[in-house]
């Protein structure tokens, strides 16, 4: 659960939230800091690598099934 804001804390009226940590940011930004941007980029690279590995495994499985049907 997100921490509650004290009445003295001001939040911009028009805002979005950082896609990594959830802090309020200006409407034209996606990240609250360069470190959150770096974290996001690392996560994206990890997801892309995982997808590539899964596709290679699926293709290898498909090729092995096709090859085994011709061989035996």
N, C-alpha and C. Protein backbone atom coordinates (compact mmCIF):
# COMPACT_ATOMS: atom_id res chain seq x y z
N UNK A 1 0.84 -1.17 0.00
CA UNK A 1 0.00 0.00 0.00
C UNK A 1 0.89 1.24 0.00
N UNK A 2 0.53 2.23 -0.78
CA UNK A 2 1.33 3.44 -0.88
C UNK A 2 1.22 4.25 0.41
N UNK A 3 2.30 4.94 0.78
CA UNK A 3 2.23 5.76 1.98
C UNK A 3 1.28 6.93 1.78
N UNK A 4 0.61 7.29 2.85
CA UNK A 4 -0.33 8.41 2.77
C UNK A 4 0.43 9.72 2.83
N UNK A 5 -0.08 10.71 2.14
CA UNK A 5 0.55 12.02 2.12
C UNK A 5 0.04 12.86 3.28
N UNK A 6 0.93 13.58 3.89
CA UNK A 6 0.51 14.52 4.93
C UNK A 6 -0.20 15.68 4.25
N UNK A 7 -1.07 16.38 4.96
CA UNK A 7 -1.78 17.50 4.33
C UNK A 7 -0.84 18.57 3.81
N UNK A 8 0.37 18.69 4.37
CA UNK A 8 1.31 19.71 3.92
C UNK A 8 1.99 19.33 2.61
N UNK A 9 2.04 18.03 2.29
CA UNK A 9 2.69 17.59 1.06
C UNK A 9 1.85 18.01 -0.13
N UNK A 10 2.51 18.64 -1.08
CA UNK A 10 1.82 19.09 -2.29
C UNK A 10 2.16 18.15 -3.43
N UNK A 11 1.17 17.74 -4.17
CA UNK A 11 1.38 16.91 -5.34
C UNK A 11 0.92 17.72 -6.56
N UNK A 12 1.67 17.67 -7.63
CA UNK A 12 1.25 18.41 -8.82
C UNK A 12 -0.14 17.96 -9.27
N UNK A 13 -0.95 18.91 -9.68
CA UNK A 13 -2.31 18.57 -10.11
C UNK A 13 -2.29 17.61 -11.28
N UNK A 14 -1.56 17.99 -12.33
CA UNK A 14 -1.49 17.17 -13.53
C UNK A 14 -0.16 16.40 -13.47
N UNK A 15 -0.24 15.09 -13.27
CA UNK A 15 0.98 14.31 -13.13
C UNK A 15 0.77 12.88 -13.59
N UNK A 16 1.88 12.19 -13.78
CA UNK A 16 1.90 10.76 -14.03
C UNK A 16 2.75 10.14 -12.94
N UNK A 17 2.96 8.84 -13.02
CA UNK A 17 3.79 8.17 -12.03
C UNK A 17 4.95 7.47 -12.71
N UNK A 18 6.09 7.47 -12.04
CA UNK A 18 7.28 6.80 -12.53
C UNK A 18 6.94 5.33 -12.76
N UNK A 19 7.32 4.80 -13.93
CA UNK A 19 6.97 3.43 -14.28
C UNK A 19 7.75 2.40 -13.46
N UNK A 20 8.80 2.83 -12.75
CA UNK A 20 9.60 1.90 -11.95
C UNK A 20 9.18 1.94 -10.49
N UNK A 21 9.20 3.13 -9.88
CA UNK A 21 8.98 3.22 -8.43
C UNK A 21 7.63 3.80 -8.05
N UNK A 22 6.93 4.43 -8.98
CA UNK A 22 5.59 4.93 -8.70
C UNK A 22 5.51 6.34 -8.15
N UNK A 23 6.64 7.04 -8.05
CA UNK A 23 6.62 8.42 -7.57
C UNK A 23 5.96 9.31 -8.61
N UNK A 24 5.35 10.40 -8.15
CA UNK A 24 4.72 11.36 -9.06
C UNK A 24 5.79 12.08 -9.87
N UNK A 25 5.54 12.18 -11.18
CA UNK A 25 6.45 12.89 -12.08
C UNK A 25 5.63 13.82 -12.96
N UNK A 26 6.31 14.69 -13.67
CA UNK A 26 5.64 15.61 -14.59
C UNK A 26 4.97 14.82 -15.70
N UNK A 27 3.93 15.38 -16.30
CA UNK A 27 3.18 14.63 -17.33
C UNK A 27 3.99 14.24 -18.56
N UNK A 28 5.06 14.96 -18.86
CA UNK A 28 5.84 14.65 -20.06
C UNK A 28 7.01 13.71 -19.78
N UNK A 29 7.13 13.19 -18.56
CA UNK A 29 8.23 12.30 -18.21
C UNK A 29 7.69 10.92 -17.85
N UNK A 30 8.56 9.91 -17.95
CA UNK A 30 8.19 8.55 -17.58
C UNK A 30 8.92 8.09 -16.32
N UNK A 31 10.04 8.75 -15.99
CA UNK A 31 10.88 8.32 -14.87
C UNK A 31 11.12 9.49 -13.94
N UNK A 32 11.33 9.18 -12.66
CA UNK A 32 11.59 10.24 -11.68
C UNK A 32 13.07 10.56 -11.57
N UNK A 33 13.93 9.65 -12.01
CA UNK A 33 15.37 9.87 -11.89
C UNK A 33 16.11 9.02 -12.92
N UNK A 34 17.37 9.37 -13.18
CA UNK A 34 18.17 8.55 -14.10
C UNK A 34 18.36 7.12 -13.61
N UNK A 35 18.38 6.92 -12.29
CA UNK A 35 18.56 5.55 -11.79
C UNK A 35 17.33 4.69 -12.12
N UNK A 36 16.13 5.26 -12.02
CA UNK A 36 14.93 4.51 -12.41
C UNK A 36 14.93 4.21 -13.90
N UNK A 37 15.43 5.16 -14.69
CA UNK A 37 15.52 4.93 -16.14
C UNK A 37 16.49 3.78 -16.44
N UNK A 38 17.62 3.75 -15.73
CA UNK A 38 18.60 2.66 -15.91
C UNK A 38 18.01 1.32 -15.51
N UNK A 39 17.28 1.29 -14.40
CA UNK A 39 16.63 0.06 -13.94
C UNK A 39 15.65 -0.44 -15.00
N UNK A 40 14.87 0.47 -15.56
CA UNK A 40 13.89 0.11 -16.58
C UNK A 40 14.58 -0.45 -17.82
N UNK A 41 15.67 0.18 -18.26
CA UNK A 41 16.39 -0.29 -19.44
C UNK A 41 16.96 -1.68 -19.21
N UNK A 42 17.51 -1.93 -18.01
CA UNK A 42 18.03 -3.26 -17.69
C UNK A 42 16.92 -4.30 -17.70
N UNK A 43 15.76 -3.95 -17.17
CA UNK A 43 14.63 -4.88 -17.17
C UNK A 43 14.19 -5.18 -18.60
N UNK A 44 14.16 -4.17 -19.44
CA UNK A 44 13.76 -4.37 -20.83
C UNK A 44 14.74 -5.28 -21.55
N UNK A 45 16.03 -5.11 -21.31
CA UNK A 45 17.03 -5.98 -21.93
C UNK A 45 16.86 -7.41 -21.46
N UNK A 46 16.58 -7.60 -20.17
CA UNK A 46 16.39 -8.93 -19.62
C UNK A 46 15.17 -9.60 -20.24
N UNK A 47 14.09 -8.85 -20.41
CA UNK A 47 12.87 -9.39 -21.01
C UNK A 47 13.12 -9.77 -22.47
N UNK A 48 13.82 -8.92 -23.20
CA UNK A 48 14.12 -9.20 -24.60
C UNK A 48 14.99 -10.45 -24.73
N UNK A 49 15.98 -10.58 -23.85
CA UNK A 49 16.85 -11.77 -23.88
C UNK A 49 16.05 -13.02 -23.56
N UNK A 50 15.14 -12.94 -22.60
CA UNK A 50 14.32 -14.10 -22.24
C UNK A 50 13.42 -14.51 -23.41
N UNK A 51 12.85 -13.54 -24.09
CA UNK A 51 12.00 -13.84 -25.25
C UNK A 51 12.80 -14.51 -26.36
N UNK A 52 14.00 -14.01 -26.59
CA UNK A 52 14.85 -14.60 -27.62
C UNK A 52 15.20 -16.04 -27.28
N UNK A 53 15.55 -16.30 -26.03
CA UNK A 53 15.88 -17.66 -25.61
C UNK A 53 14.67 -18.57 -25.78
N UNK A 54 13.49 -18.11 -25.40
CA UNK A 54 12.28 -18.92 -25.54
C UNK A 54 11.99 -19.22 -27.01
N UNK A 55 12.15 -18.23 -27.88
CA UNK A 55 11.91 -18.46 -29.31
C UNK A 55 12.90 -19.47 -29.87
N UNK A 56 14.16 -19.38 -29.49
CA UNK A 56 15.17 -20.33 -29.96
C UNK A 56 14.82 -21.73 -29.48
N UNK A 57 14.42 -21.87 -28.22
CA UNK A 57 14.05 -23.19 -27.69
C UNK A 57 12.82 -23.76 -28.40
N UNK A 58 11.83 -22.92 -28.67
CA UNK A 58 10.63 -23.39 -29.36
C UNK A 58 10.97 -23.84 -30.78
N UNK A 59 11.79 -23.05 -31.48
CA UNK A 59 12.19 -23.43 -32.84
C UNK A 59 13.01 -24.71 -32.83
N UNK A 60 13.93 -24.84 -31.87
CA UNK A 60 14.74 -26.06 -31.77
C UNK A 60 13.85 -27.27 -31.49
N UNK A 61 12.86 -27.13 -30.62
CA UNK A 61 11.93 -28.22 -30.34
C UNK A 61 11.14 -28.58 -31.59
N UNK A 62 10.66 -27.59 -32.30
CA UNK A 62 9.90 -27.81 -33.53
C UNK A 62 10.75 -28.55 -34.57
N UNK A 63 11.98 -28.09 -34.76
CA UNK A 63 12.87 -28.72 -35.72
C UNK A 63 13.17 -30.16 -35.31
N UNK A 64 13.39 -30.39 -34.03
CA UNK A 64 13.70 -31.75 -33.58
C UNK A 64 12.49 -32.68 -33.75
N UNK A 65 11.29 -32.18 -33.55
CA UNK A 65 10.08 -33.00 -33.76
C UNK A 65 9.93 -33.33 -35.24
N UNK A 66 10.12 -32.35 -36.10
CA UNK A 66 10.03 -32.57 -37.54
C UNK A 66 11.11 -33.57 -37.99
N UNK A 67 12.34 -33.38 -37.51
CA UNK A 67 13.44 -34.26 -37.90
C UNK A 67 13.19 -35.69 -37.41
N UNK A 68 12.68 -35.84 -36.21
CA UNK A 68 12.44 -37.20 -35.70
C UNK A 68 11.31 -37.88 -36.45
N UNK A 69 10.36 -37.13 -36.98
CA UNK A 69 9.27 -37.75 -37.74
C UNK A 69 9.79 -38.26 -39.10
N UNK A 70 10.80 -37.62 -39.66
CA UNK A 70 11.36 -38.08 -40.92
C UNK A 70 12.33 -39.23 -40.71
N UNK A 71 13.02 -39.24 -39.59
CA UNK A 71 14.04 -40.26 -39.33
C UNK A 71 13.38 -41.58 -38.89
N UNK A 72 12.48 -41.48 -37.96
CA UNK A 72 11.96 -42.72 -37.39
C UNK A 72 10.55 -42.85 -37.61
